Amino acid sequence: MSVSEVECITLDGHTKKFRNDRLILRPAAYALIVHNDKLLLLKMRHTGKYHLPGGGIKIGERMEETLKREAQEETGIEIDLVRFAHFEEVFFYYDPSDRAYHGLHFYFIWTKWGLVLLF
């Protein structure tokens, strides 16, 4: 039986083929935190790239719990009311650990008042 490969995006935006049987399934939740019509982004130390607050969902943890925990850990902001915004499936390669992931990314919107208009 042959093993298939999938193209994964790398931290520098290139692609790298990785065997399907070596992929790690990683569901994650990310918060779009909006305040005064501005979106909060975090800058990664090792790459200088910007990303949304959020991260991997622990086994047995609800997505809303993940969002609250990650937002608190990464920004110090305590969020409460969130609204689902988007889902994205990604395959990515994390160079520092030489691991590839099949990411299931769920995005949620949070504002102080729980209201935001998207066009």
PDB file of N, CA and C in Angstrom:
ATOM      1  N   MET A   1       0.833  -1.179   0.000  1.00  0.00           N
ATOM      2  CA  MET A   1       0.000   0.000   0.000  1.00  0.00           C
ATOM      3  C   MET A   1       0.878   1.243   0.000  1.00  0.00           C
ATOM      4  N   SER A   2       0.595   2.168  -0.883  1.00  0.00           N
ATOM      5  CA  SER A   2       1.388   3.388  -0.942  1.00  0.00           C
ATOM      6  C   SER A   2       0.806   4.433   0.002  1.00  0.00           C
ATOM      7  N   VAL A   3       1.685   5.253   0.509  1.00  0.00           N
ATOM      8  CA  VAL A   3       1.274   6.312   1.420  1.00  0.00           C
ATOM      9  C   VAL A   3       1.169   7.600   0.614  1.00  0.00           C
ATOM     10  N   SER A   4       0.048   8.304   0.733  1.00  0.00           N
ATOM     11  CA  SER A   4      -0.107   9.548  -0.006  1.00  0.00           C
ATOM     12  C   SER A   4       0.473  10.716   0.783  1.00  0.00           C
ATOM     13  N   GLU A   5       0.667  11.807   0.079  1.00  0.00           N
ATOM     14  CA  GLU A   5       1.227  13.010   0.681  1.00  0.00           C
ATOM     15  C   GLU A   5       0.289  14.185   0.459  1.00  0.00           C
ATOM     16  N   VAL A   6       0.441  15.179   1.302  1.00  0.00           N
ATOM     17  CA  VAL A   6      -0.333  16.407   1.178  1.00  0.00           C
ATOM     18  C   VAL A   6       0.648  17.572   1.248  1.00  0.00           C
ATOM     19  N   GLU A   7       0.334  18.645   0.528  1.00  0.00           N
ATOM     20  CA  GLU A   7       1.163  19.844   0.587  1.00  0.00           C
ATOM     21  C   GLU A   7       0.766  20.669   1.800  1.00  0.00           C
ATOM     22  N   CYS A   8       1.748  20.991   2.602  1.00  0.00           N
ATOM     23  CA  CYS A   8       1.531  21.794   3.804  1.00  0.00           C
ATOM     24  C   CYS A   8       2.189  23.153   3.616  1.00  0.00           C
ATOM     25  N   ILE A   9       1.576  24.180   4.148  1.00  0.00           N
ATOM     26  CA  ILE A   9       2.166  25.519   4.114  1.00  0.00           C
ATOM     27  C   ILE A   9       3.182  25.610   5.254  1.00  0.00           C
ATOM     28  N   THR A  10       4.315  26.247   4.995  1.00  0.00           N
ATOM     29  CA  THR A  10       5.352  26.402   6.012  1.00  0.00           C
ATOM     30  C   THR A  10       5.254  27.800   6.636  1.00  0.00           C
ATOM     31  N   LEU A  11       6.014  28.039   7.682  1.00  0.00           N
ATOM     32  CA  LEU A  11       5.988  29.339   8.354  1.00  0.00           C
ATOM     33  C   LEU A  11       6.395  30.481   7.431  1.00  0.00           C
ATOM     34  N   ASP A  12       7.267  30.196   6.460  1.00  0.00           N
ATOM     35  CA  ASP A  12       7.706  31.257   5.551  1.00  0.00           C
ATOM     36  C   ASP A  12       6.858  31.350   4.282  1.00  0.00           C
ATOM     37  N   GLY A  13       5.730  30.614   4.256  1.00  0.00           N
ATOM     38  CA  GLY A  13       4.805  30.718   3.136  1.00  0.00           C
ATOM     39  C   GLY A  13       5.070  29.785   1.976  1.00  0.00           C
ATOM     40  N   HIS A  14       6.074  28.948   2.091  1.00  0.00           N
ATOM     41  CA  HIS A  14       6.355  27.966   1.049  1.00  0.00           C
ATOM     42  C   HIS A  14       5.503  26.718   1.301  1.00  0.00           C
ATOM     43  N   THR A  15       5.653  25.722   0.464  1.00  0.00           N
ATOM     44  CA  THR A  15       4.947  24.462   0.689  1.00  0.00           C
ATOM     45  C   THR A  15       5.949  23.336   0.853  1.00  0.00           C
ATOM     46  N   LYS A  16       5.536  22.329   1.577  1.00  0.00           N
ATOM     47  CA  LYS A  16       6.362  21.158   1.826  1.00  0.00           C
ATOM     48  C   LYS A  16       5.436  19.956   1.832  1.00  0.00           C
ATOM     49  N   LYS A  17       5.813  18.918   1.113  1.00  0.00           N
ATOM     50  CA  LYS A  17       4.998  17.708   1.098  1.00  0.00           C
ATOM     51  C   LYS A  17       5.262  16.906   2.360  1.00  0.00           C
ATOM     52  N   PHE A  18       4.194  16.345   2.889  1.00  0.00           N
ATOM     53  CA  PHE A  18       4.295  15.576   4.122  1.00  0.00           C
ATOM     54  C   PHE A  18       3.382  14.368   4.002  1.00  0.00           C
ATOM     55  N   ARG A  19       3.813  13.248   4.521  1.00  0.00           N
ATOM     56  CA  ARG A  19       3.023  12.023   4.442  1.00  0.00           C
ATOM     57  C   ARG A  19       1.758  12.135   5.294  1.00  0.00           C
ATOM     58  N   ASN A  20       0.637  11.684   4.721  1.00  0.00           N
ATOM     59  CA  ASN A  20      -0.644  11.738   5.440  1.00  0.00           C
ATOM     60  C   ASN A  20      -0.598  10.997   6.771  1.00  0.00           C
ATOM     61  N   ASP A  21       0.114   9.882   6.810  1.00  0.00           N
ATOM     62  CA  ASP A  21       0.134   9.085   8.037  1.00  0.00           C
ATOM     63  C   ASP A  21       0.975   9.721   9.146  1.00  0.00           C
ATOM     64  N   ARG A  22       1.631  10.838   8.850  1.00  0.00           N
ATOM     65  CA  ARG A  22       2.419  11.537   9.868  1.00  0.00           C
ATOM     66  C   ARG A  22       1.768  12.848  10.302  1.00  0.00           C
ATOM     67  N   LEU A  23       0.613  13.181   9.715  1.00  0.00           N
ATOM     68  CA  LEU A  23      -0.096  14.404  10.090  1.00  0.00           C
ATOM     69  C   LEU A  23      -0.711  14.270  11.476  1.00  0.00           C
ATOM     70  N   ILE A  24      -0.762  15.377  12.192  1.00  0.00           N
ATOM     71  CA  ILE A  24      -1.383  15.436  13.508  1.00  0.00           C
ATOM     72  C   ILE A  24      -2.663  16.252  13.365  1.00  0.00           C
ATOM     73  N   LEU A  25      -3.795  15.694  13.766  1.00  0.00           N
ATOM     74  CA  LEU A  25      -5.061  16.416  13.699  1.00  0.00           C
ATOM     75  C   LEU A  25      -5.083  17.474  14.804  1.00  0.00           C
ATOM     76  N   ARG A  26      -5.354  18.721  14.424  1.00  0.00           N
ATOM     77  CA  ARG A  26      -5.317  19.811  15.403  1.00  0.00           C
ATOM     78  C   ARG A  26      -6.498  20.766  15.205  1.00  0.00           C
ATOM     79  N   PRO A  27      -7.597  20.526  15.941  1.00  0.00           N
ATOM     80  CA  PRO A  27      -8.676  21.510  15.926  1.00  0.00           C
ATOM     81  C   PRO A  27      -8.260  22.716  16.772  1.00  0.00           C
ATOM     82  N   ALA A  28      -8.630  23.905  16.309  1.00  0.00           N
ATOM     83  CA  ALA A  28      -8.239  25.113  17.030  1.00  0.00           C
ATOM     84  C   ALA A  28      -9.328  26.169  16.917  1.00  0.00           C
ATOM     85  N   ALA A  29      -9.371  27.061  17.904  1.00  0.00           N
ATOM     86  CA  ALA A  29     -10.333  28.154  17.926  1.00  0.00           C
ATOM     87  C   ALA A  29      -9.574  29.471  18.029  1.00  0.00           C
ATOM     88  N   TYR A  30      -9.994  30.451  17.236  1.00  0.00           N
ATOM     89  CA  TYR A  30      -9.337  31.750  17.199  1.00  0.00           C
ATOM     90  C   TYR A  30     -10.366  32.857  17.380  1.00  0.00           C
ATOM     91  N   ALA A  31      -9.960  33.921  18.051  1.00  0.00           N
ATOM     92  CA  ALA A  31     -10.856  35.041  18.339  1.00  0.00           C
ATOM     93  C   ALA A  31     -10.513  36.248  17.476  1.00  0.00           C
ATOM     94  N   LEU A  32     -11.524  36.786  16.835  1.00  0.00           N
ATOM     95  CA  LEU A  32     -11.406  38.074  16.160  1.00  0.00           C
ATOM     96  C   LEU A  32     -11.907  39.093  17.169  1.00  0.00           C
ATOM     97  N   ILE A  33     -10.971  39.719  17.858  1.00  0.00           N
ATOM     98  CA  ILE A  33     -11.314  40.668  18.915  1.00  0.00           C
ATOM     99  C   ILE A  33     -11.310  42.070  18.311  1.00  0.00           C
ATOM    100  N   VAL A  34     -12.498  42.668  18.284  1.00  0.00           N
ATOM    101  CA  VAL A  34     -12.684  43.974  17.643  1.00  0.00           C
ATOM    102  C   VAL A  34     -12.959  45.019  18.715  1.00  0.00           C
ATOM    103  N   HIS A  35     -12.230  46.136  18.625  1.00  0.00           N
ATOM    104  CA  HIS A  35     -12.445  47.256  19.555  1.00  0.00           C
ATOM    105  C   HIS A  35     -12.163  48.546  18.801  1.00  0.00           C
ATOM    106  N   ASN A  36     -13.104  49.483  18.855  1.00  0.00           N
ATOM    107  CA  ASN A  36     -12.974  50.761  18.142  1.00  0.00           C
ATOM    108  C   ASN A  36     -12.632  50.548  16.663  1.00  0.00           C
ATOM    109  N   ASP A  37     -13.331  49.598  16.045  1.00  0.00           N
ATOM    110  CA  ASP A  37     -13.147  49.273  14.622  1.00  0.00           C
ATOM    111  C   ASP A  37     -11.738  48.778  14.285  1.00  0.00           C
ATOM    112  N   LYS A  38     -11.021  48.257  15.277  1.00  0.00           N
ATOM    113  CA  LYS A  38      -9.689  47.715  15.048  1.00  0.00           C
ATOM    114  C   LYS A  38      -9.660  46.256  15.471  1.00  0.00           C
ATOM    115  N   LEU A  39      -8.900  45.455  14.745  1.00  0.00           N
ATOM    116  CA  LEU A  39      -8.760  44.032  15.020  1.00  0.00           C
ATOM    117  C   LEU A  39      -7.459  43.793  15.780  1.00  0.00           C
ATOM    118  N   LEU A  40      -7.547  43.084  16.899  1.00  0.00           N
ATOM    119  CA  LEU A  40      -6.374  42.783  17.705  1.00  0.00           C
ATOM    120  C   LEU A  40      -5.591  41.628  17.078  1.00  0.00           C
ATOM    121  N   LEU A  41      -4.299  41.845  16.826  1.00  0.00           N
ATOM    122  CA  LEU A  41      -3.404  40.808  16.315  1.00  0.00           C
ATOM    123  C   LEU A  41      -2.207  40.683  17.243  1.00  0.00           C
ATOM    124  N   LEU A  42      -1.633  39.496  17.302  1.00  0.00           N
ATOM    125  CA  LEU A  42      -0.436  39.243  18.101  1.00  0.00           C
ATOM    126  C   LEU A  42       0.734  39.010  17.163  1.00  0.00           C
ATOM    127  N   LYS A  43       1.911  39.454  17.555  1.00  0.00           N
ATOM    128  CA  LYS A  43       3.104  39.273  16.731  1.00  0.00           C
ATOM    129  C   LYS A  43       3.929  38.116  17.296  1.00  0.00           C
ATOM    130  N   MET A  44       4.231  37.135  16.441  1.00  0.00           N
ATOM    131  CA  MET A  44       5.015  35.975  16.867  1.00  0.00           C
ATOM    132  C   MET A  44       6.484  36.372  16.999  1.00  0.00           C
ATOM    133  N   ARG A  45       7.091  36.015  18.105  1.00  0.00           N
ATOM    134  CA  ARG A  45       8.487  36.381  18.353  1.00  0.00           C
ATOM    135  C   ARG A  45       9.445  35.751  17.354  1.00  0.00           C
ATOM    136  N   HIS A  46       9.272  34.463  17.074  1.00  0.00           N
ATOM    137  CA  HIS A  46      10.259  33.766  16.256  1.00  0.00           C
ATOM    138  C   HIS A  46      10.098  33.985  14.754  1.00  0.00           C
ATOM    139  N   THR A  47       8.940  34.495  14.285  1.00  0.00           N
ATOM    140  CA  THR A  47       8.766  34.731  12.854  1.00  0.00           C
ATOM    141  C   THR A  47       8.485  36.184  12.519  1.00  0.00           C
ATOM    142  N   GLY A  48       8.013  36.963  13.495  1.00  0.00           N
ATOM    143  CA  GLY A  48       7.649  38.343  13.225  1.00  0.00           C
ATOM    144  C   GLY A  48       6.306  38.482  12.533  1.00  0.00           C
ATOM    145  N   LYS A  49       5.616  37.362  12.313  1.00  0.00           N
ATOM    146  CA  LYS A  49       4.318  37.394  11.645  1.00  0.00           C
ATOM    147  C   LYS A  49       3.213  37.638  12.668  1.00  0.00           C
ATOM    148  N   TYR A  50       2.099  38.147  12.164  1.00  0.00           N
ATOM    149  CA  TYR A  50       0.957  38.437  13.017  1.00  0.00           C
ATOM    150  C   TYR A  50      -0.062  37.304  12.953  1.00  0.00           C
ATOM    151  N   HIS A  51      -0.745  37.087  14.063  1.00  0.00           N
ATOM    152  CA  HIS A  51      -1.785  36.068  14.097  1.00  0.00           C
ATOM    153  C   HIS A  51      -2.865  36.471  15.096  1.00  0.00           C
ATOM    154  N   LEU A  52      -3.973  35.752  15.014  1.00  0.00           N
ATOM    155  CA  LEU A  52      -5.091  35.999  15.924  1.00  0.00           C
ATOM    156  C   LEU A  52      -4.870  35.279  17.244  1.00  0.00           C
ATOM    157  N   PRO A  53      -5.401  35.804  18.331  1.00  0.00           N
ATOM    158  CA  PRO A  53      -5.339  35.071  19.590  1.00  0.00           C
ATOM    159  C   PRO A  53      -6.145  33.774  19.468  1.00  0.00           C
ATOM    160  N   GLY A  54      -5.614  32.728  20.011  1.00  0.00           N
ATOM    161  CA  GLY A  54      -6.309  31.447  19.973  1.00  0.00           C
ATOM    162  C   GLY A  54      -5.310  30.310  19.924  1.00  0.00           C
ATOM    163  N   GLY A  55      -5.837  29.101  19.791  1.00  0.00           N
ATOM    164  CA  GLY A  55      -4.954  27.951  19.736  1.00  0.00           C
ATOM    165  C   GLY A  55      -5.716  26.655  19.806  1.00  0.00           C
ATOM    166  N   GLY A  56      -4.956  25.593  20.027  1.00  0.00           N
ATOM    167  CA  GLY A  56      -5.497  24.247  20.003  1.00  0.00           C
ATOM    168  C   GLY A  56      -6.534  23.975  21.075  1.00  0.00           C
ATOM    169  N   ILE A  57      -7.538  23.212  20.666  1.00  0.00           N
ATOM    170  CA  ILE A  57      -8.605  22.808  21.582  1.00  0.00           C
ATOM    171  C   ILE A  57      -8.148  21.542  22.302  1.00  0.00           C
ATOM    172  N   LYS A  58      -8.154  21.588  23.618  1.00  0.00           N
ATOM    173  CA  LYS A  58      -7.773  20.409  24.399  1.00  0.00           C
ATOM    174  C   LYS A  58      -8.902  19.378  24.374  1.00  0.00           C
ATOM    175  N   ILE A  59      -8.552  18.126  24.477  1.00  0.00           N
ATOM    176  CA  ILE A  59      -9.560  17.063  24.503  1.00  0.00           C
ATOM    177  C   ILE A  59     -10.490  17.301  25.689  1.00  0.00           C
ATOM    178  N   GLY A  60     -11.801  17.287  25.406  1.00  0.00           N
ATOM    179  CA  GLY A  60     -12.802  17.516  26.440  1.00  0.00           C
ATOM    180  C   GLY A  60     -13.108  18.982  26.704  1.00  0.00           C
ATOM    181  N   GLU A  61     -12.399  19.883  26.028  1.00  0.00           N
ATOM    182  CA  GLU A  61     -12.608  21.314  26.220  1.00  0.00           C
ATOM    183  C   GLU A  61     -13.543  21.832  25.119  1.00  0.00           C
ATOM    184  N   ARG A  62     -14.510  22.607  25.494  1.00  0.00           N
ATOM    185  CA  ARG A  62     -15.409  23.221  24.507  1.00  0.00           C
ATOM    186  C   ARG A  62     -14.688  24.387  23.830  1.00  0.00           C
ATOM    187  N   MET A  63     -15.089  24.664  22.574  1.00  0.00           N
ATOM    188  CA  MET A  63     -14.434  25.735  21.820  1.00  0.00           C
ATOM    189  C   MET A  63     -14.511  27.070  22.539  1.00  0.00           C
ATOM    190  N   GLU A  64     -15.661  27.368  23.128  1.00  0.00           N
ATOM    191  CA  GLU A  64     -15.803  28.637  23.841  1.00  0.00           C
ATOM    192  C   GLU A  64     -14.829  28.704  25.022  1.00  0.00           C
ATOM    193  N   GLU A  65     -14.610  27.580  25.693  1.00  0.00           N
ATOM    194  CA  GLU A  65     -13.636  27.538  26.790  1.00  0.00           C
ATOM    195  C   GLU A  65     -12.227  27.778  26.253  1.00  0.00           C
ATOM    196  N   THR A  66     -11.924  27.192  25.099  1.00  0.00           N
ATOM    197  CA  THR A  66     -10.612  27.405  24.471  1.00  0.00           C
ATOM    198  C   THR A  66     -10.400  28.878  24.177  1.00  0.00           C
ATOM    199  N   LEU A  67     -11.404  29.512  23.586  1.00  0.00           N
ATOM    200  CA  LEU A  67     -11.300  30.942  23.252  1.00  0.00           C
ATOM    201  C   LEU A  67     -11.048  31.788  24.496  1.00  0.00           C
ATOM    202  N   LYS A  68     -11.808  31.533  25.552  1.00  0.00           N
ATOM    203  CA  LYS A  68     -11.639  32.293  26.788  1.00  0.00           C
ATOM    204  C   LYS A  68     -10.246  32.089  27.369  1.00  0.00           C
ATOM    205  N   ARG A  69      -9.800  30.827  27.410  1.00  0.00           N
ATOM    206  CA  ARG A  69      -8.485  30.512  27.978  1.00  0.00           C
ATOM    207  C   ARG A  69      -7.363  31.146  27.158  1.00  0.00           C
ATOM    208  N   GLU A  70      -7.407  30.941  25.842  1.00  0.00           N
ATOM    209  CA  GLU A  70      -6.352  31.454  24.975  1.00  0.00           C
ATOM    210  C   GLU A  70      -6.311  32.979  24.964  1.00  0.00           C
ATOM    211  N   ALA A  71      -7.483  33.623  24.912  1.00  0.00           N
ATOM    212  CA  ALA A  71      -7.517  35.092  24.923  1.00  0.00           C
ATOM    213  C   ALA A  71      -6.919  35.627  26.220  1.00  0.00           C
ATOM    214  N   GLN A  72      -7.251  35.006  27.326  1.00  0.00           N
ATOM    215  CA  GLN A  72      -6.710  35.423  28.623  1.00  0.00           C
ATOM    216  C   GLN A  72      -5.196  35.210  28.672  1.00  0.00           C
ATOM    217  N   GLU A  73      -4.729  34.031  28.240  1.00  0.00           N
ATOM    218  CA  GLU A  73      -3.300  33.720  28.275  1.00  0.00           C
ATOM    219  C   GLU A  73      -2.489  34.639  27.358  1.00  0.00           C
ATOM    220  N   GLU A  74      -3.015  34.903  26.170  1.00  0.00           N
ATOM    221  CA  GLU A  74      -2.231  35.617  25.160  1.00  0.00           C
ATOM    222  C   GLU A  74      -2.406  37.128  25.186  1.00  0.00           C
ATOM    223  N   THR A  75      -3.546  37.622  25.703  1.00  0.00           N
ATOM    224  CA  THR A  75      -3.800  39.066  25.662  1.00  0.00           C
ATOM    225  C   THR A  75      -4.146  39.668  27.010  1.00  0.00           C
ATOM    226  N   GLY A  76      -4.567  38.838  27.959  1.00  0.00           N
ATOM    227  CA  GLY A  76      -5.022  39.346  29.248  1.00  0.00           C
ATOM    228  C   GLY A  76      -6.469  39.802  29.211  1.00  0.00           C
ATOM    229  N   ILE A  77      -7.131  39.650  28.063  1.00  0.00           N
ATOM    230  CA  ILE A  77      -8.523  40.074  27.913  1.00  0.00           C
ATOM    231  C   ILE A  77      -9.446  38.921  28.273  1.00  0.00           C
ATOM    232  N   GLU A  78     -10.443  39.225  29.090  1.00  0.00           N
ATOM    233  CA  GLU A  78     -11.459  38.228  29.429  1.00  0.00           C
ATOM    234  C   GLU A  78     -12.634  38.410  28.494  1.00  0.00           C
ATOM    235  N   ILE A  79     -12.850  37.438  27.616  1.00  0.00           N
ATOM    236  CA  ILE A  79     -13.962  37.535  26.671  1.00  0.00           C
ATOM    237  C   ILE A  79     -15.112  36.663  27.159  1.00  0.00           C
ATOM    238  N   ASP A  80     -16.300  37.003  26.696  1.00  0.00           N
ATOM    239  CA  ASP A  80     -17.464  36.220  27.092  1.00  0.00           C
ATOM    240  C   ASP A  80     -18.299  35.857  25.873  1.00  0.00           C
ATOM    241  N   LEU A  81     -19.151  36.734  25.419  1.00  0.00           N
ATOM    242  CA  LEU A  81     -20.052  36.445  24.316  1.00  0.00           C
ATOM    243  C   LEU A  81     -19.282  36.403  22.993  1.00  0.00           C
ATOM    244  N   VAL A  82     -19.366  35.295  22.282  1.00  0.00           N
ATOM    245  CA  VAL A  82     -18.710  35.176  20.982  1.00  0.00           C
ATOM    246  C   VAL A  82     -19.719  34.693  19.952  1.00  0.00           C
ATOM    247  N   ARG A  83     -19.419  34.986  18.693  1.00  0.00           N
ATOM    248  CA  ARG A  83     -20.288  34.571  17.604  1.00  0.00           C
ATOM    249  C   ARG A  83     -19.438  33.906  16.535  1.00  0.00           C
ATOM    250  N   PHE A  84     -19.884  32.754  16.037  1.00  0.00           N
ATOM    251  CA  PHE A  84     -19.154  32.033  15.009  1.00  0.00           C
ATOM    252  C   PHE A  84     -19.031  32.885  13.758  1.00  0.00           C
ATOM    253  N   ALA A  85     -17.833  32.885  13.137  1.00  0.00           N
ATOM    254  CA  ALA A  85     -17.607  33.708  11.949  1.00  0.00           C
ATOM    255  C   ALA A  85     -17.171  32.897  10.731  1.00  0.00           C
ATOM    256  N   HIS A  86     -16.302  31.880  10.933  1.00  0.00           N
ATOM    257  CA  HIS A  86     -15.703  31.226   9.770  1.00  0.00           C
ATOM    258  C   HIS A  86     -15.048  29.910  10.180  1.00  0.00           C
ATOM    259  N   PHE A  87     -14.991  28.994   9.228  1.00  0.00           N
ATOM    260  CA  PHE A  87     -14.263  27.731   9.402  1.00  0.00           C
ATOM    261  C   PHE A  87     -13.269  27.602   8.269  1.00  0.00           C
ATOM    262  N   GLU A  88     -12.085  27.052   8.575  1.00  0.00           N
ATOM    263  CA  GLU A  88     -11.059  26.864   7.556  1.00  0.00           C
ATOM    264  C   GLU A  88     -10.305  25.571   7.838  1.00  0.00           C
ATOM    265  N   GLU A  89     -10.101  24.791   6.806  1.00  0.00           N
ATOM    266  CA  GLU A  89      -9.288  23.584   6.911  1.00  0.00           C
ATOM    267  C   GLU A  89      -7.931  23.896   6.298  1.00  0.00           C
ATOM    268  N   VAL A  90      -6.864  23.651   7.047  1.00  0.00           N
ATOM    269  CA  VAL A  90      -5.515  23.961   6.559  1.00  0.00           C
ATOM    270  C   VAL A  90      -4.568  22.800   6.867  1.00  0.00           C
ATOM    271  N   PHE A  91      -3.574  22.676   6.032  1.00  0.00           N
ATOM    272  CA  PHE A  91      -2.487  21.737   6.276  1.00  0.00           C
ATOM    273  C   PHE A  91      -1.244  22.592   6.441  1.00  0.00           C
ATOM    274  N   PHE A  92      -0.604  22.514   7.611  1.00  0.00           N
ATOM    275  CA  PHE A  92       0.561  23.357   7.829  1.00  0.00           C
ATOM    276  C   PHE A  92       1.700  22.586   8.474  1.00  0.00           C
ATOM    277  N   TYR A  93       2.894  23.030   8.139  1.00  0.00           N
ATOM    278  CA  TYR A  93       4.129  22.430   8.638  1.00  0.00           C
ATOM    279  C   TYR A  93       4.766  23.427   9.596  1.00  0.00           C
ATOM    280  N   TYR A  94       5.064  22.955  10.809  1.00  0.00           N
ATOM    281  CA  TYR A  94       5.678  23.805  11.823  1.00  0.00           C
ATOM    282  C   TYR A  94       7.159  23.460  11.887  1.00  0.00           C
ATOM    283  N   ASP A  95       7.970  24.289  11.257  1.00  0.00           N
ATOM    284  CA  ASP A  95       9.396  24.033  11.091  1.00  0.00           C
ATOM    285  C   ASP A  95      10.157  23.734  12.386  1.00  0.00           C
ATOM    286  N   PRO A  96       9.958  24.529  13.464  1.00  0.00           N
ATOM    287  CA  PRO A  96      10.753  24.288  14.674  1.00  0.00           C
ATOM    288  C   PRO A  96      10.637  22.870  15.247  1.00  0.00           C
ATOM    289  N   SER A  97       9.470  22.241  15.094  1.00  0.00           N
ATOM    290  CA  SER A  97       9.291  20.902  15.668  1.00  0.00           C
ATOM    291  C   SER A  97       9.305  19.800  14.612  1.00  0.00           C
ATOM    292  N   ASP A  98       9.431  20.182  13.335  1.00  0.00           N
ATOM    293  CA  ASP A  98       9.405  19.228  12.220  1.00  0.00           C
ATOM    294  C   ASP A  98       8.144  18.369  12.269  1.00  0.00           C
ATOM    295  N   ARG A  99       6.999  19.041  12.508  1.00  0.00           N
ATOM    296  CA  ARG A  99       5.707  18.355  12.550  1.00  0.00           C
ATOM    297  C   ARG A  99       4.748  19.018  11.566  1.00  0.00           C
ATOM    298  N   ALA A 100       3.848  18.216  11.037  1.00  0.00           N
ATOM    299  CA  ALA A 100       2.830  18.731  10.120  1.00  0.00           C
ATOM    300  C   ALA A 100       1.456  18.467  10.714  1.00  0.00           C
ATOM    301  N   TYR A 101       0.544  19.381  10.462  1.00  0.00           N
ATOM    302  CA  TYR A 101      -0.776  19.326  11.077  1.00  0.00           C
ATOM    303  C   TYR A 101      -1.890  19.426  10.042  1.00  0.00           C
ATOM    304  N   HIS A 102      -2.968  18.721  10.320  1.00  0.00           N
ATOM    305  CA  HIS A 102      -4.218  18.877   9.589  1.00  0.00           C
ATOM    306  C   HIS A 102      -5.065  19.742  10.500  1.00  0.00           C
ATOM    307  N   GLY A 103      -5.099  21.031  10.203  1.00  0.00           N
ATOM    308  CA  GLY A 103      -5.769  21.980  11.074  1.00  0.00           C
ATOM    309  C   GLY A 103      -7.228  22.193  10.721  1.00  0.00           C
ATOM    310  N   LEU A 104      -8.061  22.159  11.729  1.00  0.00           N
ATOM    311  CA  LEU A 104      -9.473  22.515  11.607  1.00  0.00           C
ATOM    312  C   LEU A 104      -9.647  23.783  12.426  1.00  0.00           C
ATOM    313  N   HIS A 105      -9.701  24.935  11.746  1.00  0.00           N
ATOM    314  CA  HIS A 105      -9.681  26.225  12.419  1.00  0.00           C
ATOM    315  C   HIS A 105     -11.070  26.855  12.444  1.00  0.00           C
ATOM    316  N   PHE A 106     -11.514  27.170  13.638  1.00  0.00           N
ATOM    317  CA  PHE A 106     -12.813  27.807  13.864  1.00  0.00           C
ATOM    318  C   PHE A 106     -12.555  29.231  14.347  1.00  0.00           C
ATOM    319  N   TYR A 107     -13.198  30.196  13.697  1.00  0.00           N
ATOM    320  CA  TYR A 107     -13.000  31.609  14.022  1.00  0.00           C
ATOM    321  C   TYR A 107     -14.283  32.185  14.613  1.00  0.00           C
ATOM    322  N   PHE A 108     -14.111  32.977  15.679  1.00  0.00           N
ATOM    323  CA  PHE A 108     -15.240  33.585  16.378  1.00  0.00           C
ATOM    324  C   PHE A 108     -14.979  35.080  16.550  1.00  0.00           C
ATOM    325  N   ILE A 109     -16.048  35.874  16.520  1.00  0.00           N
ATOM    326  CA  ILE A 109     -15.948  37.327  16.683  1.00  0.00           C
ATOM    327  C   ILE A 109     -16.333  37.682  18.115  1.00  0.00           C
ATOM    328  N   TRP A 110     -15.563  38.594  18.702  1.00  0.00           N
ATOM    329  CA  TRP A 110     -15.907  39.116  20.022  1.00  0.00           C
ATOM    330  C   TRP A 110     -15.668  40.617  20.032  1.00  0.00           C
ATOM    331  N   THR A 111     -16.649  41.338  20.522  1.00  0.00           N
ATOM    332  CA  THR A 111     -16.481  42.758  20.810  1.00  0.00           C
ATOM    333  C   THR A 111     -16.981  42.967  22.227  1.00  0.00           C
ATOM    334  N   LYS A 112     -16.619  44.073  22.788  1.00  0.00           N
ATOM    335  CA  LYS A 112     -17.022  44.356  24.172  1.00  0.00           C
ATOM    336  C   LYS A 112     -18.534  44.287  24.330  1.00  0.00           C
ATOM    337  N   TRP A 113     -19.263  44.687  23.298  1.00  0.00           N
ATOM    338  CA  TRP A 113     -20.713  44.711  23.385  1.00  0.00           C
ATOM    339  C   TRP A 113     -21.355  43.542  22.648  1.00  0.00           C
ATOM    340  N   GLY A 114     -20.544  42.634  22.078  1.00  0.00           N
ATOM    341  CA  GLY A 114     -21.076  41.466  21.396  1.00  0.00           C
ATOM    342  C   GLY A 114     -21.663  41.768  20.031  1.00  0.00           C
ATOM    343  N   LEU A 115     -21.434  42.998  19.512  1.00  0.00           N
ATOM    344  CA  LEU A 115     -21.983  43.365  18.213  1.00  0.00           C
ATOM    345  C   LEU A 115     -20.861  43.782  17.265  1.00  0.00           C
ATOM    346  N   VAL A 116     -20.917  43.279  16.050  1.00  0.00           N
ATOM    347  CA  VAL A 116     -19.978  43.718  15.016  1.00  0.00           C
ATOM    348  C   VAL A 116     -20.650  43.460  13.676  1.00  0.00           C
ATOM    349  N   LEU A 117     -20.473  44.347  12.746  1.00  0.00           N
ATOM    350  CA  LEU A 117     -21.045  44.169  11.414  1.00  0.00           C
ATOM    351  C   LEU A 117     -19.929  43.784  10.451  1.00  0.00           C
ATOM    352  N   LEU A 118     -20.159  42.745   9.696  1.00  0.00           N
ATOM    353  CA  LEU A 118     -19.186  42.304   8.691  1.00  0.00           C
ATOM    354  C   LEU A 118     -19.782  42.509   7.315  1.00  0.00           C
ATOM    355  N   PHE A 119     -19.030  43.102   6.428  1.00  0.00           N
ATOM    356  CA  PHE A 119     -19.507  43.311   5.054  1.00  0.00           C
ATOM    357  C   PHE A 119     -18.575  42.624   4.093  1.00  0.00           C
TER     358      PHE A 119
END
